[in-house]
Amino acid sequence: KADMDIDCDGRPSARCNRTTDPWFQ
């Protein structure tokens, strides 16, 4: 039982990329 941080890593998309996510991998 914990918090939830958002993982946006993986294949880039309109919602998950280096612009939307400063931690993006």
PDBML (XML) file of the C-alpha atoms, coordinates in Angstrom:
<?xml version="1.0" encoding="UTF-8" ?>
<PDBx:datablock datablockName="MODEL"
   xmlns:PDBx="http://pdbml.pdb.org/schema/pdbx-v50.xsd"
   xmlns:xsi="http://www.w3.org/2001/XMLSchema-instance"
   xsi:schemaLocation="http://pdbml.pdb.org/schema/pdbx-v50.xsd pdbx-v50.xsd">
   <PDBx:atom_siteCategory>
      <PDBx:atom_site id="1">
         <PDBx:B_iso_or_equiv>0.00</PDBx:B_iso_or_equiv>
         <PDBx:Cartn_x>0.000</PDBx:Cartn_x>
         <PDBx:Cartn_y>0.000</PDBx:Cartn_y>
         <PDBx:Cartn_z>0.000</PDBx:Cartn_z>
         <PDBx:auth_asym_id>A</PDBx:auth_asym_id>
         <PDBx:auth_atom_id>CA</PDBx:auth_atom_id>
         <PDBx:auth_comp_id>LYS</PDBx:auth_comp_id>
         <PDBx:auth_seq_id>1</PDBx:auth_seq_id>
         <PDBx:group_PDB>ATOM</PDBx:group_PDB>
         <PDBx:label_alt_id xsi:nil="true" />
         <PDBx:label_asym_id>A</PDBx:label_asym_id>
         <PDBx:label_atom_id>CA</PDBx:label_atom_id>
         <PDBx:label_comp_id>LYS</PDBx:label_comp_id>
         <PDBx:label_entity_id>1</PDBx:label_entity_id>
         <PDBx:label_seq_id>1</PDBx:label_seq_id>
         <PDBx:occupancy>1.00</PDBx:occupancy>
         <PDBx:pdbx_PDB_model_num>1</PDBx:pdbx_PDB_model_num>
         <PDBx:type_symbol>C</PDBx:type_symbol>
      </PDBx:atom_site>
      <PDBx:atom_site id="2">
         <PDBx:B_iso_or_equiv>0.00</PDBx:B_iso_or_equiv>
         <PDBx:Cartn_x>1.690</PDBx:Cartn_x>
         <PDBx:Cartn_y>3.146</PDBx:Cartn_y>
         <PDBx:Cartn_z>-1.235</PDBx:Cartn_z>
         <PDBx:auth_asym_id>A</PDBx:auth_asym_id>
         <PDBx:auth_atom_id>CA</PDBx:auth_atom_id>
         <PDBx:auth_comp_id>ALA</PDBx:auth_comp_id>
         <PDBx:auth_seq_id>2</PDBx:auth_seq_id>
         <PDBx:group_PDB>ATOM</PDBx:group_PDB>
         <PDBx:label_alt_id xsi:nil="true" />
         <PDBx:label_asym_id>A</PDBx:label_asym_id>
         <PDBx:label_atom_id>CA</PDBx:label_atom_id>
         <PDBx:label_comp_id>ALA</PDBx:label_comp_id>
         <PDBx:label_entity_id>1</PDBx:label_entity_id>
         <PDBx:label_seq_id>2</PDBx:label_seq_id>
         <PDBx:occupancy>1.00</PDBx:occupancy>
         <PDBx:pdbx_PDB_model_num>1</PDBx:pdbx_PDB_model_num>
         <PDBx:type_symbol>C</PDBx:type_symbol>
      </PDBx:atom_site>
      <PDBx:atom_site id="3">
         <PDBx:B_iso_or_equiv>0.00</PDBx:B_iso_or_equiv>
         <PDBx:Cartn_x>1.435</PDBx:Cartn_x>
         <PDBx:Cartn_y>6.288</PDBx:Cartn_y>
         <PDBx:Cartn_z>-3.324</PDBx:Cartn_z>
         <PDBx:auth_asym_id>A</PDBx:auth_asym_id>
         <PDBx:auth_atom_id>CA</PDBx:auth_atom_id>
         <PDBx:auth_comp_id>ASP</PDBx:auth_comp_id>
         <PDBx:auth_seq_id>3</PDBx:auth_seq_id>
         <PDBx:group_PDB>ATOM</PDBx:group_PDB>
         <PDBx:label_alt_id xsi:nil="true" />
         <PDBx:label_asym_id>A</PDBx:label_asym_id>
         <PDBx:label_atom_id>CA</PDBx:label_atom_id>
         <PDBx:label_comp_id>ASP</PDBx:label_comp_id>
         <PDBx:label_entity_id>1</PDBx:label_entity_id>
         <PDBx:label_seq_id>3</PDBx:label_seq_id>
         <PDBx:occupancy>1.00</PDBx:occupancy>
         <PDBx:pdbx_PDB_model_num>1</PDBx:pdbx_PDB_model_num>
         <PDBx:type_symbol>C</PDBx:type_symbol>
      </PDBx:atom_site>
      <PDBx:atom_site id="4">
         <PDBx:B_iso_or_equiv>0.00</PDBx:B_iso_or_equiv>
         <PDBx:Cartn_x>1.363</PDBx:Cartn_x>
         <PDBx:Cartn_y>6.383</PDBx:Cartn_y>
         <PDBx:Cartn_z>-7.106</PDBx:Cartn_z>
         <PDBx:auth_asym_id>A</PDBx:auth_asym_id>
         <PDBx:auth_atom_id>CA</PDBx:auth_atom_id>
         <PDBx:auth_comp_id>MET</PDBx:auth_comp_id>
         <PDBx:auth_seq_id>4</PDBx:auth_seq_id>
         <PDBx:group_PDB>ATOM</PDBx:group_PDB>
         <PDBx:label_alt_id xsi:nil="true" />
         <PDBx:label_asym_id>A</PDBx:label_asym_id>
         <PDBx:label_atom_id>CA</PDBx:label_atom_id>
         <PDBx:label_comp_id>MET</PDBx:label_comp_id>
         <PDBx:label_entity_id>1</PDBx:label_entity_id>
         <PDBx:label_seq_id>4</PDBx:label_seq_id>
         <PDBx:occupancy>1.00</PDBx:occupancy>
         <PDBx:pdbx_PDB_model_num>1</PDBx:pdbx_PDB_model_num>
         <PDBx:type_symbol>C</PDBx:type_symbol>
      </PDBx:atom_site>
      <PDBx:atom_site id="5">
         <PDBx:B_iso_or_equiv>0.00</PDBx:B_iso_or_equiv>
         <PDBx:Cartn_x>4.012</PDBx:Cartn_x>
         <PDBx:Cartn_y>8.156</PDBx:Cartn_y>
         <PDBx:Cartn_z>-9.135</PDBx:Cartn_z>
         <PDBx:auth_asym_id>A</PDBx:auth_asym_id>
         <PDBx:auth_atom_id>CA</PDBx:auth_atom_id>
         <PDBx:auth_comp_id>ASP</PDBx:auth_comp_id>
         <PDBx:auth_seq_id>5</PDBx:auth_seq_id>
         <PDBx:group_PDB>ATOM</PDBx:group_PDB>
         <PDBx:label_alt_id xsi:nil="true" />
         <PDBx:label_asym_id>A</PDBx:label_asym_id>
         <PDBx:label_atom_id>CA</PDBx:label_atom_id>
         <PDBx:label_comp_id>ASP</PDBx:label_comp_id>
         <PDBx:label_entity_id>1</PDBx:label_entity_id>
         <PDBx:label_seq_id>5</PDBx:label_seq_id>
         <PDBx:occupancy>1.00</PDBx:occupancy>
         <PDBx:pdbx_PDB_model_num>1</PDBx:pdbx_PDB_model_num>
         <PDBx:type_symbol>C</PDBx:type_symbol>
      </PDBx:atom_site>
      <PDBx:atom_site id="6">
         <PDBx:B_iso_or_equiv>0.00</PDBx:B_iso_or_equiv>
         <PDBx:Cartn_x>3.428</PDBx:Cartn_x>
         <PDBx:Cartn_y>8.258</PDBx:Cartn_y>
         <PDBx:Cartn_z>-12.883</PDBx:Cartn_z>
         <PDBx:auth_asym_id>A</PDBx:auth_asym_id>
         <PDBx:auth_atom_id>CA</PDBx:auth_atom_id>
         <PDBx:auth_comp_id>ILE</PDBx:auth_comp_id>
         <PDBx:auth_seq_id>6</PDBx:auth_seq_id>
         <PDBx:group_PDB>ATOM</PDBx:group_PDB>
         <PDBx:label_alt_id xsi:nil="true" />
         <PDBx:label_asym_id>A</PDBx:label_asym_id>
         <PDBx:label_atom_id>CA</PDBx:label_atom_id>
         <PDBx:label_comp_id>ILE</PDBx:label_comp_id>
         <PDBx:label_entity_id>1</PDBx:label_entity_id>
         <PDBx:label_seq_id>6</PDBx:label_seq_id>
         <PDBx:occupancy>1.00</PDBx:occupancy>
         <PDBx:pdbx_PDB_model_num>1</PDBx:pdbx_PDB_model_num>
         <PDBx:type_symbol>C</PDBx:type_symbol>
      </PDBx:atom_site>
      <PDBx:atom_site id="7">
         <PDBx:B_iso_or_equiv>0.00</PDBx:B_iso_or_equiv>
         <PDBx:Cartn_x>5.688</PDBx:Cartn_x>
         <PDBx:Cartn_y>6.239</PDBx:Cartn_y>
         <PDBx:Cartn_z>-15.179</PDBx:Cartn_z>
         <PDBx:auth_asym_id>A</PDBx:auth_asym_id>
         <PDBx:auth_atom_id>CA</PDBx:auth_atom_id>
         <PDBx:auth_comp_id>ASP</PDBx:auth_comp_id>
         <PDBx:auth_seq_id>7</PDBx:auth_seq_id>
         <PDBx:group_PDB>ATOM</PDBx:group_PDB>
         <PDBx:label_alt_id xsi:nil="true" />
         <PDBx:label_asym_id>A</PDBx:label_asym_id>
         <PDBx:label_atom_id>CA</PDBx:label_atom_id>
         <PDBx:label_comp_id>ASP</PDBx:label_comp_id>
         <PDBx:label_entity_id>1</PDBx:label_entity_id>
         <PDBx:label_seq_id>7</PDBx:label_seq_id>
         <PDBx:occupancy>1.00</PDBx:occupancy>
         <PDBx:pdbx_PDB_model_num>1</PDBx:pdbx_PDB_model_num>
         <PDBx:type_symbol>C</PDBx:type_symbol>
      </PDBx:atom_site>
      <PDBx:atom_site id="8">
         <PDBx:B_iso_or_equiv>0.00</PDBx:B_iso_or_equiv>
         <PDBx:Cartn_x>5.706</PDBx:Cartn_x>
         <PDBx:Cartn_y>7.806</PDBx:Cartn_y>
         <PDBx:Cartn_z>-18.663</PDBx:Cartn_z>
         <PDBx:auth_asym_id>A</PDBx:auth_asym_id>
         <PDBx:auth_atom_id>CA</PDBx:auth_atom_id>
         <PDBx:auth_comp_id>CYS</PDBx:auth_comp_id>
         <PDBx:auth_seq_id>8</PDBx:auth_seq_id>
         <PDBx:group_PDB>ATOM</PDBx:group_PDB>
         <PDBx:label_alt_id xsi:nil="true" />
         <PDBx:label_asym_id>A</PDBx:label_asym_id>
         <PDBx:label_atom_id>CA</PDBx:label_atom_id>
         <PDBx:label_comp_id>CYS</PDBx:label_comp_id>
         <PDBx:label_entity_id>1</PDBx:label_entity_id>
         <PDBx:label_seq_id>8</PDBx:label_seq_id>
         <PDBx:occupancy>1.00</PDBx:occupancy>
         <PDBx:pdbx_PDB_model_num>1</PDBx:pdbx_PDB_model_num>
         <PDBx:type_symbol>C</PDBx:type_symbol>
      </PDBx:atom_site>
      <PDBx:atom_site id="9">
         <PDBx:B_iso_or_equiv>0.00</PDBx:B_iso_or_equiv>
         <PDBx:Cartn_x>8.735</PDBx:Cartn_x>
         <PDBx:Cartn_y>5.864</PDBx:Cartn_y>
         <PDBx:Cartn_z>-19.916</PDBx:Cartn_z>
         <PDBx:auth_asym_id>A</PDBx:auth_asym_id>
         <PDBx:auth_atom_id>CA</PDBx:auth_atom_id>
         <PDBx:auth_comp_id>ASP</PDBx:auth_comp_id>
         <PDBx:auth_seq_id>9</PDBx:auth_seq_id>
         <PDBx:group_PDB>ATOM</PDBx:group_PDB>
         <PDBx:label_alt_id xsi:nil="true" />
         <PDBx:label_asym_id>A</PDBx:label_asym_id>
         <PDBx:label_atom_id>CA</PDBx:label_atom_id>
         <PDBx:label_comp_id>ASP</PDBx:label_comp_id>
         <PDBx:label_entity_id>1</PDBx:label_entity_id>
         <PDBx:label_seq_id>9</PDBx:label_seq_id>
         <PDBx:occupancy>1.00</PDBx:occupancy>
         <PDBx:pdbx_PDB_model_num>1</PDBx:pdbx_PDB_model_num>
         <PDBx:type_symbol>C</PDBx:type_symbol>
      </PDBx:atom_site>
      <PDBx:atom_site id="10">
         <PDBx:B_iso_or_equiv>0.00</PDBx:B_iso_or_equiv>
         <PDBx:Cartn_x>8.912</PDBx:Cartn_x>
         <PDBx:Cartn_y>3.629</PDBx:Cartn_y>
         <PDBx:Cartn_z>-22.949</PDBx:Cartn_z>
         <PDBx:auth_asym_id>A</PDBx:auth_asym_id>
         <PDBx:auth_atom_id>CA</PDBx:auth_atom_id>
         <PDBx:auth_comp_id>GLY</PDBx:auth_comp_id>
         <PDBx:auth_seq_id>10</PDBx:auth_seq_id>
         <PDBx:group_PDB>ATOM</PDBx:group_PDB>
         <PDBx:label_alt_id xsi:nil="true" />
         <PDBx:label_asym_id>A</PDBx:label_asym_id>
         <PDBx:label_atom_id>CA</PDBx:label_atom_id>
         <PDBx:label_comp_id>GLY</PDBx:label_comp_id>
         <PDBx:label_entity_id>1</PDBx:label_entity_id>
         <PDBx:label_seq_id>10</PDBx:label_seq_id>
         <PDBx:occupancy>1.00</PDBx:occupancy>
         <PDBx:pdbx_PDB_model_num>1</PDBx:pdbx_PDB_model_num>
         <PDBx:type_symbol>C</PDBx:type_symbol>
      </PDBx:atom_site>
      <PDBx:atom_site id="11">
         <PDBx:B_iso_or_equiv>0.00</PDBx:B_iso_or_equiv>
         <PDBx:Cartn_x>7.741</PDBx:Cartn_x>
         <PDBx:Cartn_y>4.207</PDBx:Cartn_y>
         <PDBx:Cartn_z>-26.484</PDBx:Cartn_z>
         <PDBx:auth_asym_id>A</PDBx:auth_asym_id>
         <PDBx:auth_atom_id>CA</PDBx:auth_atom_id>
         <PDBx:auth_comp_id>ARG</PDBx:auth_comp_id>
         <PDBx:auth_seq_id>11</PDBx:auth_seq_id>
         <PDBx:group_PDB>ATOM</PDBx:group_PDB>
         <PDBx:label_alt_id xsi:nil="true" />
         <PDBx:label_asym_id>A</PDBx:label_asym_id>
         <PDBx:label_atom_id>CA</PDBx:label_atom_id>
         <PDBx:label_comp_id>ARG</PDBx:label_comp_id>
         <PDBx:label_entity_id>1</PDBx:label_entity_id>
         <PDBx:label_seq_id>11</PDBx:label_seq_id>
         <PDBx:occupancy>1.00</PDBx:occupancy>
         <PDBx:pdbx_PDB_model_num>1</PDBx:pdbx_PDB_model_num>
         <PDBx:type_symbol>C</PDBx:type_symbol>
      </PDBx:atom_site>
      <PDBx:atom_site id="12">
         <PDBx:B_iso_or_equiv>0.00</PDBx:B_iso_or_equiv>
         <PDBx:Cartn_x>7.247</PDBx:Cartn_x>
         <PDBx:Cartn_y>7.950</PDBx:Cartn_y>
         <PDBx:Cartn_z>-27.021</PDBx:Cartn_z>
         <PDBx:auth_asym_id>A</PDBx:auth_asym_id>
         <PDBx:auth_atom_id>CA</PDBx:auth_atom_id>
         <PDBx:auth_comp_id>PRO</PDBx:auth_comp_id>
         <PDBx:auth_seq_id>12</PDBx:auth_seq_id>
         <PDBx:group_PDB>ATOM</PDBx:group_PDB>
         <PDBx:label_alt_id xsi:nil="true" />
         <PDBx:label_asym_id>A</PDBx:label_asym_id>
         <PDBx:label_atom_id>CA</PDBx:label_atom_id>
         <PDBx:label_comp_id>PRO</PDBx:label_comp_id>
         <PDBx:label_entity_id>1</PDBx:label_entity_id>
         <PDBx:label_seq_id>12</PDBx:label_seq_id>
         <PDBx:occupancy>1.00</PDBx:occupancy>
         <PDBx:pdbx_PDB_model_num>1</PDBx:pdbx_PDB_model_num>
         <PDBx:type_symbol>C</PDBx:type_symbol>
      </PDBx:atom_site>
      <PDBx:atom_site id="13">
         <PDBx:B_iso_or_equiv>0.00</PDBx:B_iso_or_equiv>
         <PDBx:Cartn_x>3.723</PDBx:Cartn_x>
         <PDBx:Cartn_y>9.249</PDBx:Cartn_y>
         <PDBx:Cartn_z>-27.587</PDBx:Cartn_z>
         <PDBx:auth_asym_id>A</PDBx:auth_asym_id>
         <PDBx:auth_atom_id>CA</PDBx:auth_atom_id>
         <PDBx:auth_comp_id>SER</PDBx:auth_comp_id>
         <PDBx:auth_seq_id>13</PDBx:auth_seq_id>
         <PDBx:group_PDB>ATOM</PDBx:group_PDB>
         <PDBx:label_alt_id xsi:nil="true" />
         <PDBx:label_asym_id>A</PDBx:label_asym_id>
         <PDBx:label_atom_id>CA</PDBx:label_atom_id>
         <PDBx:label_comp_id>SER</PDBx:label_comp_id>
         <PDBx:label_entity_id>1</PDBx:label_entity_id>
         <PDBx:label_seq_id>13</PDBx:label_seq_id>
         <PDBx:occupancy>1.00</PDBx:occupancy>
         <PDBx:pdbx_PDB_model_num>1</PDBx:pdbx_PDB_model_num>
         <PDBx:type_symbol>C</PDBx:type_symbol>
      </PDBx:atom_site>
      <PDBx:atom_site id="14">
         <PDBx:B_iso_or_equiv>0.00</PDBx:B_iso_or_equiv>
         <PDBx:Cartn_x>1.832</PDBx:Cartn_x>
         <PDBx:Cartn_y>12.537</PDBx:Cartn_y>
         <PDBx:Cartn_z>-27.540</PDBx:Cartn_z>
         <PDBx:auth_asym_id>A</PDBx:auth_asym_id>
         <PDBx:auth_atom_id>CA</PDBx:auth_atom_id>
         <PDBx:auth_comp_id>ALA</PDBx:auth_comp_id>
         <PDBx:auth_seq_id>14</PDBx:auth_seq_id>
         <PDBx:group_PDB>ATOM</PDBx:group_PDB>
         <PDBx:label_alt_id xsi:nil="true" />
         <PDBx:label_asym_id>A</PDBx:label_asym_id>
         <PDBx:label_atom_id>CA</PDBx:label_atom_id>
         <PDBx:label_comp_id>ALA</PDBx:label_comp_id>
         <PDBx:label_entity_id>1</PDBx:label_entity_id>
         <PDBx:label_seq_id>14</PDBx:label_seq_id>
         <PDBx:occupancy>1.00</PDBx:occupancy>
         <PDBx:pdbx_PDB_model_num>1</PDBx:pdbx_PDB_model_num>
         <PDBx:type_symbol>C</PDBx:type_symbol>
      </PDBx:atom_site>
      <PDBx:atom_site id="15">
         <PDBx:B_iso_or_equiv>0.00</PDBx:B_iso_or_equiv>
         <PDBx:Cartn_x>1.373</PDBx:Cartn_x>
         <PDBx:Cartn_y>12.165</PDBx:Cartn_y>
         <PDBx:Cartn_z>-23.785</PDBx:Cartn_z>
         <PDBx:auth_asym_id>A</PDBx:auth_asym_id>
         <PDBx:auth_atom_id>CA</PDBx:auth_atom_id>
         <PDBx:auth_comp_id>ARG</PDBx:auth_comp_id>
         <PDBx:auth_seq_id>15</PDBx:auth_seq_id>
         <PDBx:group_PDB>ATOM</PDBx:group_PDB>
         <PDBx:label_alt_id xsi:nil="true" />
         <PDBx:label_asym_id>A</PDBx:label_asym_id>
         <PDBx:label_atom_id>CA</PDBx:label_atom_id>
         <PDBx:label_comp_id>ARG</PDBx:label_comp_id>
         <PDBx:label_entity_id>1</PDBx:label_entity_id>
         <PDBx:label_seq_id>15</PDBx:label_seq_id>
         <PDBx:occupancy>1.00</PDBx:occupancy>
         <PDBx:pdbx_PDB_model_num>1</PDBx:pdbx_PDB_model_num>
         <PDBx:type_symbol>C</PDBx:type_symbol>
      </PDBx:atom_site>
      <PDBx:atom_site id="16">
         <PDBx:B_iso_or_equiv>0.00</PDBx:B_iso_or_equiv>
         <PDBx:Cartn_x>4.722</PDBx:Cartn_x>
         <PDBx:Cartn_y>10.633</PDBx:Cartn_y>
         <PDBx:Cartn_z>-22.826</PDBx:Cartn_z>
         <PDBx:auth_asym_id>A</PDBx:auth_asym_id>
         <PDBx:auth_atom_id>CA</PDBx:auth_atom_id>
         <PDBx:auth_comp_id>CYS</PDBx:auth_comp_id>
         <PDBx:auth_seq_id>16</PDBx:auth_seq_id>
         <PDBx:group_PDB>ATOM</PDBx:group_PDB>
         <PDBx:label_alt_id xsi:nil="true" />
         <PDBx:label_asym_id>A</PDBx:label_asym_id>
         <PDBx:label_atom_id>CA</PDBx:label_atom_id>
         <PDBx:label_comp_id>CYS</PDBx:label_comp_id>
         <PDBx:label_entity_id>1</PDBx:label_entity_id>
         <PDBx:label_seq_id>16</PDBx:label_seq_id>
         <PDBx:occupancy>1.00</PDBx:occupancy>
         <PDBx:pdbx_PDB_model_num>1</PDBx:pdbx_PDB_model_num>
         <PDBx:type_symbol>C</PDBx:type_symbol>
      </PDBx:atom_site>
      <PDBx:atom_site id="17">
         <PDBx:B_iso_or_equiv>0.00</PDBx:B_iso_or_equiv>
         <PDBx:Cartn_x>7.826</PDBx:Cartn_x>
         <PDBx:Cartn_y>12.245</PDBx:Cartn_y>
         <PDBx:Cartn_z>-24.289</PDBx:Cartn_z>
         <PDBx:auth_asym_id>A</PDBx:auth_asym_id>
         <PDBx:auth_atom_id>CA</PDBx:auth_atom_id>
         <PDBx:auth_comp_id>ASN</PDBx:auth_comp_id>
         <PDBx:auth_seq_id>17</PDBx:auth_seq_id>
         <PDBx:group_PDB>ATOM</PDBx:group_PDB>
         <PDBx:label_alt_id xsi:nil="true" />
         <PDBx:label_asym_id>A</PDBx:label_asym_id>
         <PDBx:label_atom_id>CA</PDBx:label_atom_id>
         <PDBx:label_comp_id>ASN</PDBx:label_comp_id>
         <PDBx:label_entity_id>1</PDBx:label_entity_id>
         <PDBx:label_seq_id>17</PDBx:label_seq_id>
         <PDBx:occupancy>1.00</PDBx:occupancy>
         <PDBx:pdbx_PDB_model_num>1</PDBx:pdbx_PDB_model_num>
         <PDBx:type_symbol>C</PDBx:type_symbol>
      </PDBx:atom_site>
      <PDBx:atom_site id="18">
         <PDBx:B_iso_or_equiv>0.00</PDBx:B_iso_or_equiv>
         <PDBx:Cartn_x>10.751</PDBx:Cartn_x>
         <PDBx:Cartn_y>14.476</PDBx:Cartn_y>
         <PDBx:Cartn_z>-23.340</PDBx:Cartn_z>
         <PDBx:auth_asym_id>A</PDBx:auth_asym_id>
         <PDBx:auth_atom_id>CA</PDBx:auth_atom_id>
         <PDBx:auth_comp_id>ARG</PDBx:auth_comp_id>
         <PDBx:auth_seq_id>18</PDBx:auth_seq_id>
         <PDBx:group_PDB>ATOM</PDBx:group_PDB>
         <PDBx:label_alt_id xsi:nil="true" />
         <PDBx:label_asym_id>A</PDBx:label_asym_id>
         <PDBx:label_atom_id>CA</PDBx:label_atom_id>
         <PDBx:label_comp_id>ARG</PDBx:label_comp_id>
         <PDBx:label_entity_id>1</PDBx:label_entity_id>
         <PDBx:label_seq_id>18</PDBx:label_seq_id>
         <PDBx:occupancy>1.00</PDBx:occupancy>
         <PDBx:pdbx_PDB_model_num>1</PDBx:pdbx_PDB_model_num>
         <PDBx:type_symbol>C</PDBx:type_symbol>
      </PDBx:atom_site>
      <PDBx:atom_site id="19">
         <PDBx:B_iso_or_equiv>0.00</PDBx:B_iso_or_equiv>
         <PDBx:Cartn_x>8.552</PDBx:Cartn_x>
         <PDBx:Cartn_y>17.585</PDBx:Cartn_y>
         <PDBx:Cartn_z>-23.485</PDBx:Cartn_z>
         <PDBx:auth_asym_id>A</PDBx:auth_asym_id>
         <PDBx:auth_atom_id>CA</PDBx:auth_atom_id>
         <PDBx:auth_comp_id>THR</PDBx:auth_comp_id>
         <PDBx:auth_seq_id>19</PDBx:auth_seq_id>
         <PDBx:group_PDB>ATOM</PDBx:group_PDB>
         <PDBx:label_alt_id xsi:nil="true" />
         <PDBx:label_asym_id>A</PDBx:label_asym_id>
         <PDBx:label_atom_id>CA</PDBx:label_atom_id>
         <PDBx:label_comp_id>THR</PDBx:label_comp_id>
         <PDBx:label_entity_id>1</PDBx:label_entity_id>
         <PDBx:label_seq_id>19</PDBx:label_seq_id>
         <PDBx:occupancy>1.00</PDBx:occupancy>
         <PDBx:pdbx_PDB_model_num>1</PDBx:pdbx_PDB_model_num>
         <PDBx:type_symbol>C</PDBx:type_symbol>
      </PDBx:atom_site>
      <PDBx:atom_site id="20">
         <PDBx:B_iso_or_equiv>0.00</PDBx:B_iso_or_equiv>
         <PDBx:Cartn_x>5.769</PDBx:Cartn_x>
         <PDBx:Cartn_y>16.320</PDBx:Cartn_y>
         <PDBx:Cartn_z>-21.233</PDBx:Cartn_z>
         <PDBx:auth_asym_id>A</PDBx:auth_asym_id>
         <PDBx:auth_atom_id>CA</PDBx:auth_atom_id>
         <PDBx:auth_comp_id>THR</PDBx:auth_comp_id>
         <PDBx:auth_seq_id>20</PDBx:auth_seq_id>
         <PDBx:group_PDB>ATOM</PDBx:group_PDB>
         <PDBx:label_alt_id xsi:nil="true" />
         <PDBx:label_asym_id>A</PDBx:label_asym_id>
         <PDBx:label_atom_id>CA</PDBx:label_atom_id>
         <PDBx:label_comp_id>THR</PDBx:label_comp_id>
         <PDBx:label_entity_id>1</PDBx:label_entity_id>
         <PDBx:label_seq_id>20</PDBx:label_seq_id>
         <PDBx:occupancy>1.00</PDBx:occupancy>
         <PDBx:pdbx_PDB_model_num>1</PDBx:pdbx_PDB_model_num>
         <PDBx:type_symbol>C</PDBx:type_symbol>
      </PDBx:atom_site>
      <PDBx:atom_site id="21">
         <PDBx:B_iso_or_equiv>0.00</PDBx:B_iso_or_equiv>
         <PDBx:Cartn_x>8.046</PDBx:Cartn_x>
         <PDBx:Cartn_y>14.443</PDBx:Cartn_y>
         <PDBx:Cartn_z>-18.818</PDBx:Cartn_z>
         <PDBx:auth_asym_id>A</PDBx:auth_asym_id>
         <PDBx:auth_atom_id>CA</PDBx:auth_atom_id>
         <PDBx:auth_comp_id>ASP</PDBx:auth_comp_id>
         <PDBx:auth_seq_id>21</PDBx:auth_seq_id>
         <PDBx:group_PDB>ATOM</PDBx:group_PDB>
         <PDBx:label_alt_id xsi:nil="true" />
         <PDBx:label_asym_id>A</PDBx:label_asym_id>
         <PDBx:label_atom_id>CA</PDBx:label_atom_id>
         <PDBx:label_comp_id>ASP</PDBx:label_comp_id>
         <PDBx:label_entity_id>1</PDBx:label_entity_id>
         <PDBx:label_seq_id>21</PDBx:label_seq_id>
         <PDBx:occupancy>1.00</PDBx:occupancy>
         <PDBx:pdbx_PDB_model_num>1</PDBx:pdbx_PDB_model_num>
         <PDBx:type_symbol>C</PDBx:type_symbol>
      </PDBx:atom_site>
      <PDBx:atom_site id="22">
         <PDBx:B_iso_or_equiv>0.00</PDBx:B_iso_or_equiv>
         <PDBx:Cartn_x>11.405</PDBx:Cartn_x>
         <PDBx:Cartn_y>15.816</PDBx:Cartn_y>
         <PDBx:Cartn_z>-17.559</PDBx:Cartn_z>
         <PDBx:auth_asym_id>A</PDBx:auth_asym_id>
         <PDBx:auth_atom_id>CA</PDBx:auth_atom_id>
         <PDBx:auth_comp_id>PRO</PDBx:auth_comp_id>
         <PDBx:auth_seq_id>22</PDBx:auth_seq_id>
         <PDBx:group_PDB>ATOM</PDBx:group_PDB>
         <PDBx:label_alt_id xsi:nil="true" />
         <PDBx:label_asym_id>A</PDBx:label_asym_id>
         <PDBx:label_atom_id>CA</PDBx:label_atom_id>
         <PDBx:label_comp_id>PRO</PDBx:label_comp_id>
         <PDBx:label_entity_id>1</PDBx:label_entity_id>
         <PDBx:label_seq_id>22</PDBx:label_seq_id>
         <PDBx:occupancy>1.00</PDBx:occupancy>
         <PDBx:pdbx_PDB_model_num>1</PDBx:pdbx_PDB_model_num>
         <PDBx:type_symbol>C</PDBx:type_symbol>
      </PDBx:atom_site>
      <PDBx:atom_site id="23">
         <PDBx:B_iso_or_equiv>0.00</PDBx:B_iso_or_equiv>
         <PDBx:Cartn_x>12.335</PDBx:Cartn_x>
         <PDBx:Cartn_y>12.296</PDBx:Cartn_y>
         <PDBx:Cartn_z>-16.349</PDBx:Cartn_z>
         <PDBx:auth_asym_id>A</PDBx:auth_asym_id>
         <PDBx:auth_atom_id>CA</PDBx:auth_atom_id>
         <PDBx:auth_comp_id>TRP</PDBx:auth_comp_id>
         <PDBx:auth_seq_id>23</PDBx:auth_seq_id>
         <PDBx:group_PDB>ATOM</PDBx:group_PDB>
         <PDBx:label_alt_id xsi:nil="true" />
         <PDBx:label_asym_id>A</PDBx:label_asym_id>
         <PDBx:label_atom_id>CA</PDBx:label_atom_id>
         <PDBx:label_comp_id>TRP</PDBx:label_comp_id>
         <PDBx:label_entity_id>1</PDBx:label_entity_id>
         <PDBx:label_seq_id>23</PDBx:label_seq_id>
         <PDBx:occupancy>1.00</PDBx:occupancy>
         <PDBx:pdbx_PDB_model_num>1</PDBx:pdbx_PDB_model_num>
         <PDBx:type_symbol>C</PDBx:type_symbol>
      </PDBx:atom_site>
      <PDBx:atom_site id="24">
         <PDBx:B_iso_or_equiv>0.00</PDBx:B_iso_or_equiv>
         <PDBx:Cartn_x>11.407</PDBx:Cartn_x>
         <PDBx:Cartn_y>10.570</PDBx:Cartn_y>
         <PDBx:Cartn_z>-19.622</PDBx:Cartn_z>
         <PDBx:auth_asym_id>A</PDBx:auth_asym_id>
         <PDBx:auth_atom_id>CA</PDBx:auth_atom_id>
         <PDBx:auth_comp_id>PHE</PDBx:auth_comp_id>
         <PDBx:auth_seq_id>24</PDBx:auth_seq_id>
         <PDBx:group_PDB>ATOM</PDBx:group_PDB>
         <PDBx:label_alt_id xsi:nil="true" />
         <PDBx:label_asym_id>A</PDBx:label_asym_id>
         <PDBx:label_atom_id>CA</PDBx:label_atom_id>
         <PDBx:label_comp_id>PHE</PDBx:label_comp_id>
         <PDBx:label_entity_id>1</PDBx:label_entity_id>
         <PDBx:label_seq_id>24</PDBx:label_seq_id>
         <PDBx:occupancy>1.00</PDBx:occupancy>
         <PDBx:pdbx_PDB_model_num>1</PDBx:pdbx_PDB_model_num>
         <PDBx:type_symbol>C</PDBx:type_symbol>
      </PDBx:atom_site>
      <PDBx:atom_site id="25">
         <PDBx:B_iso_or_equiv>0.00</PDBx:B_iso_or_equiv>
         <PDBx:Cartn_x>13.373</PDBx:Cartn_x>
         <PDBx:Cartn_y>7.491</PDBx:Cartn_y>
         <PDBx:Cartn_z>-20.675</PDBx:Cartn_z>
         <PDBx:auth_asym_id>A</PDBx:auth_asym_id>
         <PDBx:auth_atom_id>CA</PDBx:auth_atom_id>
         <PDBx:auth_comp_id>GLN</PDBx:auth_comp_id>
         <PDBx:auth_seq_id>25</PDBx:auth_seq_id>
         <PDBx:group_PDB>ATOM</PDBx:group_PDB>
         <PDBx:label_alt_id xsi:nil="true" />
         <PDBx:label_asym_id>A</PDBx:label_asym_id>
         <PDBx:label_atom_id>CA</PDBx:label_atom_id>
         <PDBx:label_comp_id>GLN</PDBx:label_comp_id>
         <PDBx:label_entity_id>1</PDBx:label_entity_id>
         <PDBx:label_seq_id>25</PDBx:label_seq_id>
         <PDBx:occupancy>1.00</PDBx:occupancy>
         <PDBx:pdbx_PDB_model_num>1</PDBx:pdbx_PDB_model_num>
         <PDBx:type_symbol>C</PDBx:type_symbol>
      </PDBx:atom_site>
   </PDBx:atom_siteCategory>
</PDBx:datablock>
